[in-house]
Protein backbone atom coordinates (compact mmCIF):
# COMPACT_ATOMS: atom_id res chain seq x y z
CA MET A 1 -34.28 -32.05 37.62
CA PRO A 2 -36.49 -33.26 34.67
CA VAL A 3 -39.57 -31.22 33.98
CA PRO A 4 -42.55 -32.58 35.92
CA LYS A 5 -44.66 -35.03 33.87
CA GLN A 6 -47.81 -32.93 33.83
CA SER A 7 -46.13 -29.88 32.32
CA GLU A 8 -43.56 -31.57 30.10
CA ASN A 9 -45.53 -31.36 26.85
CA ASP A 10 -46.45 -27.72 27.45
CA THR A 11 -42.78 -26.90 28.11
CA ARG A 12 -41.70 -28.56 24.87
CA LEU A 13 -44.38 -26.82 22.81
CA THR A 14 -43.54 -23.44 24.34
CA LEU A 15 -39.84 -24.00 23.59
CA LEU A 16 -40.50 -24.84 19.98
CA GLU A 17 -42.94 -21.92 19.55
CA HIS A 18 -40.39 -19.47 20.94
CA ILE A 19 -37.44 -20.80 18.92
CA ALA A 20 -39.59 -20.81 15.78
CA ALA A 21 -40.45 -17.18 16.34
CA ILE A 22 -36.80 -16.27 17.06
CA SER A 23 -35.48 -18.07 13.99
CA SER A 24 -37.88 -16.24 11.72
CA SER A 25 -37.00 -12.86 13.19
CA PRO A 26 -35.67 -10.28 10.70
CA ASP A 27 -32.88 -9.38 13.15
CA GLU A 28 -29.18 -9.94 12.36
CA PRO A 29 -28.87 -13.79 12.14
CA SER A 30 -25.80 -13.93 14.45
CA SER A 31 -27.73 -12.22 17.24
CA LEU A 32 -30.42 -14.89 17.26
CA PHE A 33 -28.22 -17.73 18.52
CA GLY A 34 -27.97 -16.35 22.03
CA ARG A 35 -31.74 -15.88 22.25
CA ILE A 36 -32.28 -19.48 21.18
CA LEU A 37 -29.88 -20.72 23.84
CA ASP A 38 -31.69 -18.70 26.49
CA GLU A 39 -34.90 -20.60 25.63
CA ILE A 40 -33.07 -23.96 25.64
CA VAL A 41 -31.40 -23.39 29.03
CA TYR A 42 -34.75 -22.41 30.53
CA ALA A 43 -36.76 -25.27 29.01
CA PHE A 44 -34.19 -27.90 29.92
CA ASP A 45 -33.56 -26.43 33.33
CA SER A 46 -29.87 -26.77 32.50
CA ASP A 47 -26.70 -24.96 33.51
CA ALA A 48 -24.89 -24.40 30.24
CA SER A 49 -25.48 -24.56 26.50
CA TRP A 50 -23.68 -23.75 23.32
CA ILE A 51 -23.80 -23.65 19.50
CA GLN A 52 -20.65 -24.59 17.64
CA LEU A 53 -20.40 -24.09 13.86
CA ILE A 54 -17.87 -25.69 11.55
CA ASP A 55 -16.12 -24.02 8.63
CA PRO A 56 -16.35 -26.47 5.74
CA VAL A 57 -13.16 -25.10 4.14
CA THR A 58 -10.77 -25.06 7.14
CA ASN A 59 -12.54 -27.79 9.13
CA GLN A 60 -12.18 -25.54 12.12
CA SER A 61 -15.00 -25.27 14.63
CA ALA A 62 -15.94 -22.09 16.52
CA ILE A 63 -18.37 -21.22 19.25
CA ALA A 64 -21.17 -19.10 17.69
CA ALA A 65 -22.97 -18.52 21.05
CA HIS A 66 -22.89 -19.92 24.57
CA ARG A 67 -24.51 -19.66 27.96
CA GLY A 68 -22.72 -20.61 31.19
CA PHE A 69 -19.28 -21.07 29.65
CA THR A 70 -16.07 -19.64 31.06
CA ALA A 71 -13.53 -17.93 28.77
CA ARG A 72 -11.25 -20.96 29.16
CA MET A 73 -14.05 -23.37 28.08
CA VAL A 74 -14.72 -21.26 24.98
CA SER A 75 -11.06 -21.08 24.09
CA GLU A 76 -10.52 -24.83 24.41
CA MET A 77 -13.61 -25.72 22.39
CA ASN A 78 -12.67 -23.21 19.69
CA SER A 79 -9.34 -25.03 19.29
CA LEU A 80 -10.98 -28.33 18.31
CA GLN A 81 -11.31 -29.54 14.71
CA THR A 82 -13.75 -32.14 13.49
CA ASP A 83 -11.02 -34.77 13.27
CA LYS A 84 -10.98 -34.91 17.08
CA ARG A 85 -12.67 -38.08 18.08
CA TRP A 86 -15.27 -36.80 20.44
CA ILE A 87 -16.65 -33.91 18.28
CA ASN A 88 -16.37 -36.11 15.14
CA THR A 89 -18.65 -38.59 16.90
CA ILE A 90 -21.28 -35.89 17.41
CA VAL A 91 -20.98 -34.34 13.96
CA LEU A 92 -21.17 -37.59 12.04
CA SER A 93 -23.60 -39.34 14.29
CA LYS A 94 -27.21 -39.77 13.07
CA ASN A 95 -28.27 -39.92 16.71
CA PRO A 96 -27.83 -37.50 19.59
CA VAL A 97 -24.91 -38.10 21.94
CA ILE A 98 -25.69 -38.36 25.70
CA PHE A 99 -23.18 -38.64 28.50
CA ALA A 100 -24.80 -39.58 31.84
CA GLU A 101 -21.56 -38.72 33.68
CA ILE A 102 -18.88 -36.71 31.92
CA SER A 103 -16.12 -37.90 34.29
CA GLU A 104 -16.62 -41.48 33.14
CA GLU A 105 -16.25 -40.70 29.39
CA PRO A 106 -12.70 -41.52 28.23
CA TYR A 107 -12.93 -39.38 25.06
CA PHE A 108 -14.27 -36.24 26.70
CA PRO A 109 -11.30 -33.86 26.43
CA PHE A 110 -12.37 -30.95 28.63
CA ARG A 111 -11.96 -32.17 32.20
CA SER A 112 -9.25 -29.59 32.87
CA SER A 113 -11.35 -26.61 31.74
CA PHE A 114 -14.89 -27.68 32.53
CA PRO A 115 -16.05 -27.22 36.18
CA GLU A 116 -16.23 -30.44 38.19
CA ASN A 117 -19.84 -29.77 39.07
CA LEU A 118 -20.95 -30.21 35.43
CA HIS A 119 -21.90 -33.88 35.11
CA SER A 120 -24.27 -34.72 32.33
CA PHE A 121 -24.06 -33.82 28.64
CA ILE A 122 -26.23 -33.96 25.58
CA ALA A 123 -25.43 -32.81 22.06
CA VAL A 124 -26.93 -33.12 18.57
CA SER A 125 -25.48 -32.49 15.12
CA ILE A 126 -26.64 -29.39 13.22
CA LYS A 127 -27.16 -30.33 9.59
CA SER A 128 -27.79 -28.34 6.39
CA GLY A 129 -28.60 -29.96 3.09
CA GLY A 130 -27.66 -33.33 4.54
CA ALA A 131 -24.18 -32.16 5.59
CA ALA A 132 -23.10 -31.63 9.21
CA THR A 133 -22.44 -27.94 9.92
CA GLY A 134 -22.14 -27.81 13.71
CA VAL A 135 -23.14 -28.94 17.16
CA LEU A 136 -25.88 -27.91 19.60
CA GLY A 137 -25.24 -29.03 23.15
CA VAL A 138 -26.49 -28.73 26.70
CA LEU A 139 -24.77 -29.39 30.07
CA SER A 140 -26.23 -29.99 33.53
CA ARG A 141 -24.89 -30.20 37.09
CA THR A 142 -27.28 -33.15 37.65
CA PRO A 143 -25.88 -36.63 36.79
CA ASN A 144 -27.88 -38.65 34.32
CA ARG A 145 -30.03 -35.63 33.65
CA PHE A 146 -30.92 -36.12 29.97
CA ARG A 147 -33.18 -38.70 28.36
CA LEU A 148 -34.08 -39.75 24.85
CA GLU A 149 -37.09 -37.39 24.87
CA ASP A 150 -34.75 -34.50 25.56
CA ALA A 151 -32.52 -35.54 22.65
CA ARG A 152 -35.45 -35.55 20.21
CA LEU A 153 -36.51 -32.09 21.43
CA LEU A 154 -32.95 -30.81 21.06
CA SER A 155 -32.77 -32.22 17.49
CA VAL A 156 -35.82 -30.22 16.52
CA ALA A 157 -34.29 -27.12 18.07
CA GLY A 158 -31.14 -27.91 16.08
CA ALA A 159 -33.11 -27.72 12.86
CA PHE A 160 -34.08 -24.12 13.71
CA VAL A 161 -30.46 -23.33 14.59
CA SER A 162 -29.49 -24.73 11.15
CA ALA A 163 -32.03 -22.41 9.43
CA VAL A 164 -30.50 -19.43 11.20
CA ALA A 165 -26.98 -20.56 10.33
CA ASP A 166 -28.00 -20.87 6.66
CA ARG A 167 -29.39 -17.34 6.76
CA MET A 168 -26.20 -16.11 8.34
CA ALA A 169 -24.12 -17.76 5.61
CA VAL A 170 -26.24 -16.13 2.87
CA HIS A 171 -26.06 -12.82 4.63
CA TYR A 172 -22.33 -13.05 4.92
CA GLN A 173 -21.91 -14.03 1.26
CA ASP A 174 -24.15 -11.14 0.15
CA SER A 175 -22.25 -8.71 2.33
CA ARG A 176 -18.92 -9.93 1.02
CA LYS A 177 -20.17 -9.67 -2.58
CA GLN A 178 -21.42 -6.12 -2.01
CA HIS A 179 -18.15 -5.23 -0.25
CA ASN A 180 -16.07 -6.59 -3.11
CA GLN A 181 -18.21 -4.79 -5.68
CA LEU A 182 -17.84 -1.51 -3.77
CA ILE A 183 -14.06 -1.98 -3.47
CA SER A 184 -13.88 -2.64 -7.20
CA ILE A 185 -15.87 0.45 -8.03
CA LEU A 186 -13.81 2.64 -5.73
CA GLY A 187 -10.63 1.18 -7.12
CA GLU A 188 -11.68 1.95 -10.68
CA ARG A 189 -12.65 5.51 -9.70
CA GLU A 190 -9.34 6.08 -7.99
CA GLU A 191 -7.40 4.78 -10.95
CA PHE A 192 -9.44 7.01 -13.28
CA LEU A 193 -8.90 10.11 -11.11
CA ASP A 194 -5.21 9.42 -10.78
CA ALA A 195 -4.78 8.77 -14.50
CA LEU A 196 -6.86 11.83 -15.48
CA SER A 197 -4.98 14.10 -13.06
CA HIS A 198 -1.60 13.01 -14.35
CA GLU A 199 -2.70 13.25 -17.96
CA LEU A 200 -3.78 16.84 -17.35
CA GLN A 201 -0.68 17.80 -15.42
CA THR A 202 1.75 17.35 -18.34
CA PRO A 203 0.12 19.59 -20.97
CA LEU A 204 -0.90 22.05 -18.29
CA THR A 205 2.72 22.50 -17.15
CA ALA A 206 3.82 23.03 -20.73
CA LEU A 207 0.98 25.54 -21.31
CA THR A 208 1.83 27.54 -18.20
CA ALA A 209 5.54 27.60 -18.97
CA SER A 210 4.92 28.57 -22.64
CA ALA A 211 2.53 31.38 -21.67
CA GLY A 212 5.11 32.69 -19.20
CA LEU A 213 7.86 32.73 -21.83
CA LEU A 214 5.50 34.39 -24.30
CA ALA A 215 4.63 37.07 -21.73
CA GLU A 216 8.38 37.80 -21.32
CA GLU A 217 8.88 38.12 -25.03
CA LEU A 218 5.87 40.36 -25.55
CA SER A 219 6.90 42.59 -22.63
CA LYS A 220 9.68 43.85 -24.85
CA GLU A 221 7.06 45.24 -27.24
CA PRO A 222 4.07 45.89 -24.99
CA LYS A 223 0.62 45.83 -26.54
CA ALA A 224 -2.46 46.19 -24.32
CA SER A 225 -4.69 43.62 -26.00
CA THR A 226 -1.94 41.02 -26.23
CA GLY A 227 -0.92 41.48 -22.65
CA ARG A 228 -4.54 41.05 -21.56
CA LEU A 229 -4.82 37.76 -23.48
CA ILE A 230 -1.62 36.47 -21.91
CA ARG A 231 -2.87 37.30 -18.45
CA ASN A 232 -6.13 35.44 -19.16
CA ILE A 233 -4.14 32.38 -20.27
CA LEU A 234 -2.02 32.45 -17.10
CA GLN A 235 -5.05 32.95 -14.86
CA SER A 236 -6.97 30.13 -16.54
CA SER A 237 -3.95 27.88 -16.35
CA SER A 238 -3.59 28.63 -12.66
CA SER A 239 -7.28 27.85 -12.06
CA LEU A 240 -7.03 24.57 -13.99
CA LYS A 241 -3.92 23.62 -12.09
CA ASP A 242 -5.79 24.10 -8.77
CA ARG A 243 -8.57 21.78 -10.00
CA VAL A 244 -6.03 19.15 -11.08
CA ASN A 245 -4.29 19.35 -7.72
CA GLU A 246 -7.62 18.81 -5.99
CA LEU A 247 -8.23 15.70 -8.07
CA LEU A 248 -4.75 14.42 -7.24
CA ASP A 249 -5.28 15.05 -3.52
CA LEU A 250 -8.56 13.20 -3.60
CA SER A 251 -7.06 10.26 -5.52
CA ARG A 252 -4.13 10.00 -3.07
CA GLU A 253 -6.36 10.26 -0.05
CA HIS A 254 -8.57 7.36 -1.22
CA ALA A 255 -5.58 5.25 -2.23
CA ALA A 256 -3.43 5.56 0.89
CA GLY A 257 -4.57 8.46 3.03
CA TYR A 258 -2.97 11.88 3.24
CA ASP A 259 0.59 11.87 4.55
CA VAL A 260 1.27 14.12 7.53
CA GLU A 261 4.78 14.86 8.68
CA PRO A 262 4.67 17.19 11.71
CA SER A 263 7.57 19.27 12.83
CA SER A 264 8.08 22.32 15.06
CA LEU A 265 7.39 25.53 13.09
CA ASP A 266 6.20 29.11 13.35
CA ALA A 267 2.65 29.19 12.00
CA THR A 268 2.75 32.97 11.45
CA LEU A 269 5.44 32.54 8.75
CA ILE A 270 3.21 30.20 6.83
CA PHE A 271 0.25 32.55 7.15
CA ARG A 272 2.22 35.55 5.84
CA LYS A 273 3.46 33.48 2.89
CA VAL A 274 -0.04 32.49 1.87
CA ILE A 275 -1.33 35.99 2.35
CA ASP A 276 1.43 37.43 0.17
CA GLU A 277 0.59 34.92 -2.52
CA LEU A 278 -3.15 35.77 -2.51
CA THR A 279 -2.94 39.52 -2.05
CA PRO A 280 -2.83 40.21 -5.84
CA MET A 281 -6.03 38.14 -6.26
CA ALA A 282 -7.80 40.27 -3.63
CA LYS A 283 -6.51 43.49 -5.13
CA ALA A 284 -7.80 42.45 -8.58
CA LYS A 285 -11.30 42.43 -7.04
CA LYS A 286 -10.65 45.63 -5.14
CA GLN A 287 -11.11 43.81 -1.87
CA SER A 288 -9.76 44.84 1.46
CA LEU A 289 -7.62 42.12 3.08
CA THR A 290 -7.27 42.66 6.85
CA ILE A 291 -4.63 40.70 8.70
CA ASP A 292 -4.75 40.12 12.46
CA ILE A 293 -1.73 37.97 13.34
CA PRO A 294 0.43 38.24 16.50
CA LYS A 295 3.83 39.78 16.02
CA VAL A 296 5.36 37.03 18.14
CA PRO A 297 5.74 33.50 16.74
CA ILE A 298 2.99 30.87 17.21
CA MET A 299 5.06 27.70 17.61
CA ILE A 300 3.16 24.56 16.66
CA ASN A 301 3.97 20.94 15.90
CA ALA A 302 2.31 20.47 12.49
CA ASP A 303 2.87 19.55 8.88
CA GLY A 304 3.79 22.94 7.34
CA ARG A 305 2.84 21.88 3.84
CA ARG A 306 -0.59 20.78 4.97
CA LEU A 307 -1.14 23.84 7.18
CA GLU A 308 -0.34 26.03 4.14
CA GLN A 309 -2.85 24.02 2.11
CA ILE A 310 -5.56 24.51 4.73
CA VAL A 311 -5.08 28.28 4.89
CA LEU A 312 -4.74 28.59 1.15
CA ASN A 313 -8.05 26.78 0.56
CA LEU A 314 -9.97 28.86 3.13
CA LEU A 315 -8.50 32.24 2.15
CA SER A 316 -8.81 31.70 -1.63
CA ASN A 317 -12.47 30.63 -1.10
CA ALA A 318 -13.16 33.83 0.85
CA ILE A 319 -11.72 35.92 -1.97
CA LYS A 320 -13.64 33.93 -4.59
CA PHE A 321 -17.01 34.22 -2.91
CA THR A 322 -16.72 37.81 -1.70
CA PRO A 323 -17.91 40.41 -4.21
CA GLN A 324 -15.83 43.38 -5.40
CA ASN A 325 -15.01 45.98 -2.77
CA GLY A 326 -15.77 43.44 -0.02
CA THR A 327 -13.59 42.77 3.03
CA ILE A 328 -11.78 39.59 4.04
CA THR A 329 -10.29 39.28 7.53
CA PHE A 330 -7.69 36.71 8.52
CA ARG A 331 -7.18 36.21 12.28
CA ALA A 332 -4.88 33.81 14.10
CA ARG A 333 -4.51 33.30 17.83
CA GLU A 334 -3.10 30.90 20.37
CA GLU A 335 -5.96 29.86 22.67
CA LYS A 336 -5.79 27.20 25.40
CA ARG A 337 -2.85 25.44 23.80
CA ASN A 338 -4.58 25.43 20.41
CA LEU A 339 -3.97 27.37 17.25
CA VAL A 340 -7.29 29.02 16.26
CA VAL A 341 -7.65 30.57 12.83
CA ARG A 342 -10.68 32.55 11.62
CA VAL A 343 -11.25 33.55 7.99
CA GLU A 344 -14.09 36.05 7.77
CA ASP A 345 -15.65 37.52 4.62
CA THR A 346 -18.49 39.93 3.70
CA GLY A 347 -19.99 37.70 1.07
CA SER A 348 -23.61 36.79 0.72
CA GLY A 349 -23.54 34.18 3.51
CA ILE A 350 -24.58 30.52 3.48
CA PRO A 351 -28.14 29.29 4.18
CA LYS A 352 -28.44 27.25 7.40
CA GLU A 353 -29.69 24.15 5.56
CA GLU A 354 -26.60 24.16 3.35
CA GLN A 355 -23.97 24.55 6.05
CA ALA A 356 -23.91 20.89 7.17
CA LYS A 357 -23.25 19.77 3.56
CA LEU A 358 -20.31 22.07 2.87
CA PHE A 359 -17.60 19.60 3.86
CA ARG A 360 -18.93 16.75 1.72
CA PRO A 361 -16.79 15.84 -1.33
CA TYR A 362 -18.13 17.30 -4.62
CA TYR A 363 -20.83 19.28 -2.84
CA ARG A 364 -21.47 22.81 -4.08
CA ILE A 365 -24.28 25.17 -3.07
CA PRO A 366 -26.82 25.07 -5.91
CA GLY A 367 -26.70 28.87 -6.49
CA ASP A 368 -22.89 28.78 -6.84
CA ARG A 369 -22.56 26.00 -9.38
CA TYR A 370 -22.88 28.21 -12.43
CA ARG A 371 -21.32 31.35 -11.03
CA TYR A 372 -18.02 29.99 -9.69
CA SER A 373 -15.48 27.44 -10.92
CA GLY A 374 -14.46 24.45 -8.78
CA LEU A 375 -15.16 20.81 -8.16
CA GLY A 376 -16.50 21.06 -4.61
CA LEU A 377 -13.38 19.34 -3.18
CA GLY A 378 -11.57 22.15 -1.44
CA LEU A 379 -13.48 22.15 1.84
CA ALA A 380 -13.69 18.37 1.99
CA ILE A 381 -9.89 18.13 1.64
CA THR A 382 -9.45 20.96 4.14
CA LYS A 383 -11.55 19.14 6.72
CA GLN A 384 -9.57 15.94 6.24
CA LEU A 385 -6.26 17.78 6.76
CA VAL A 386 -7.49 19.57 9.88
CA GLU A 387 -8.80 16.31 11.42
CA LEU A 388 -5.48 14.57 10.62
CA HIS A 389 -3.91 17.10 13.02
CA ASN A 390 -6.51 16.15 15.72
CA GLY A 391 -8.24 19.45 14.98
CA LYS A 392 -11.74 20.55 14.08
CA ILE A 393 -13.26 22.95 11.58
CA TRP A 394 -16.66 24.60 11.43
CA VAL A 395 -18.55 27.43 9.79
CA GLU A 396 -20.57 30.32 11.13
CA SER A 397 -22.76 32.19 8.74
CA GLU A 398 -26.05 33.99 8.19
CA GLN A 399 -27.47 34.61 4.79
CA GLY A 400 -26.76 38.26 3.86
CA ASN A 401 -24.23 38.72 6.67
CA GLY A 402 -21.08 37.02 5.41
CA THR A 403 -19.33 33.81 6.49
CA THR A 404 -16.61 32.83 8.91
CA PHE A 405 -14.65 29.56 8.68
CA ILE A 406 -12.84 28.62 11.89
CA PHE A 407 -10.40 25.78 12.56
CA SER A 408 -8.55 24.77 15.66
CA ILE A 409 -5.45 22.54 15.88
CA PRO A 410 -3.56 21.48 19.07
CA LEU A 411 -0.13 23.13 19.34
CA ASN A 412 1.49 19.87 20.48
CA TYR A 413 0.05 17.53 17.87
CA THR A 414 1.82 14.16 17.57
CA ILE A 415 1.17 11.29 15.10
CA PRO A 416 -0.94 8.58 16.87
């Protein structure tokens, strides 16, 4: 029923005060439409209300918010374009549109989806800069519910809705602009990393091969100083190759994500291969490398190449950051249908405040930046590879008491 005469002005003022406060809220613009409709439904003592915005490019209309609509009503109204006669009448009309009885309106297209107990209808055009941008409407179960005074009030409310819609459009444009700028920057960085990595790979391959051939030739006439220089060349080439591979991995991950091709394999064979490869590095630092691996196979469904990369990163880090005469322990177990690997060292340990940052790309502990080579990518890449197997990785460490890196991967991993 209409608002009683004695309280009508107060109701209108309260509605406009509330809508004005809502429309000026710093909240996300799209979230404000529903709050405005709540105020309109209450002030008009109505049964349903909606805001419908029109895309000026596609001419397609869409419900931005509603109250009291069924899913079918929303779907049917979203399918309308402004060339449909009834909505075109509202959008282009300078005056509000009022239907005293919906069932008697020949151009009202929603009789099949709108409940029969909805009788009266009022709608106004939402305008921005003189152009129609949408519709604000209210429905009631009471026939002949709306009057000219209601239409004027709804038109004022429509102006506030228009202001919110304008803010939402600006917000969307700014977000799209920032998104496109970020995509452009990331694309340029990926192209640079990829180009740099490949540019470095070619001369590096030639350098390593040449140094190897030179070492073979000089071995025929051994000379201590020459042999030492050749070993330095080979070690430096190997280190540089590792850095280039990290850059390539990072570039590929950003471009298309790491590829994972799981198959059934014995994880212990991969572990022993990596350990054999890194044992000379540990011996060069007079480190003790302790291996605790079951004699029976640990069968797992995983990408063998990626599992090897994970173990290689963790074990080579342990050797790098453990001082001479230190101890590195590699343990692997099957626990609760998971492969659990622990790489322990007797290095200096990692401060608590630094541990959460270790898996960030490019991050390196401040005290290590000038003592050890690297780009700070190894652990970030390792974490990505573990998580691609539905696994998890973490660190346990106390400063002065060494560090343990642990990762766990399900034995029956399958690609999602």
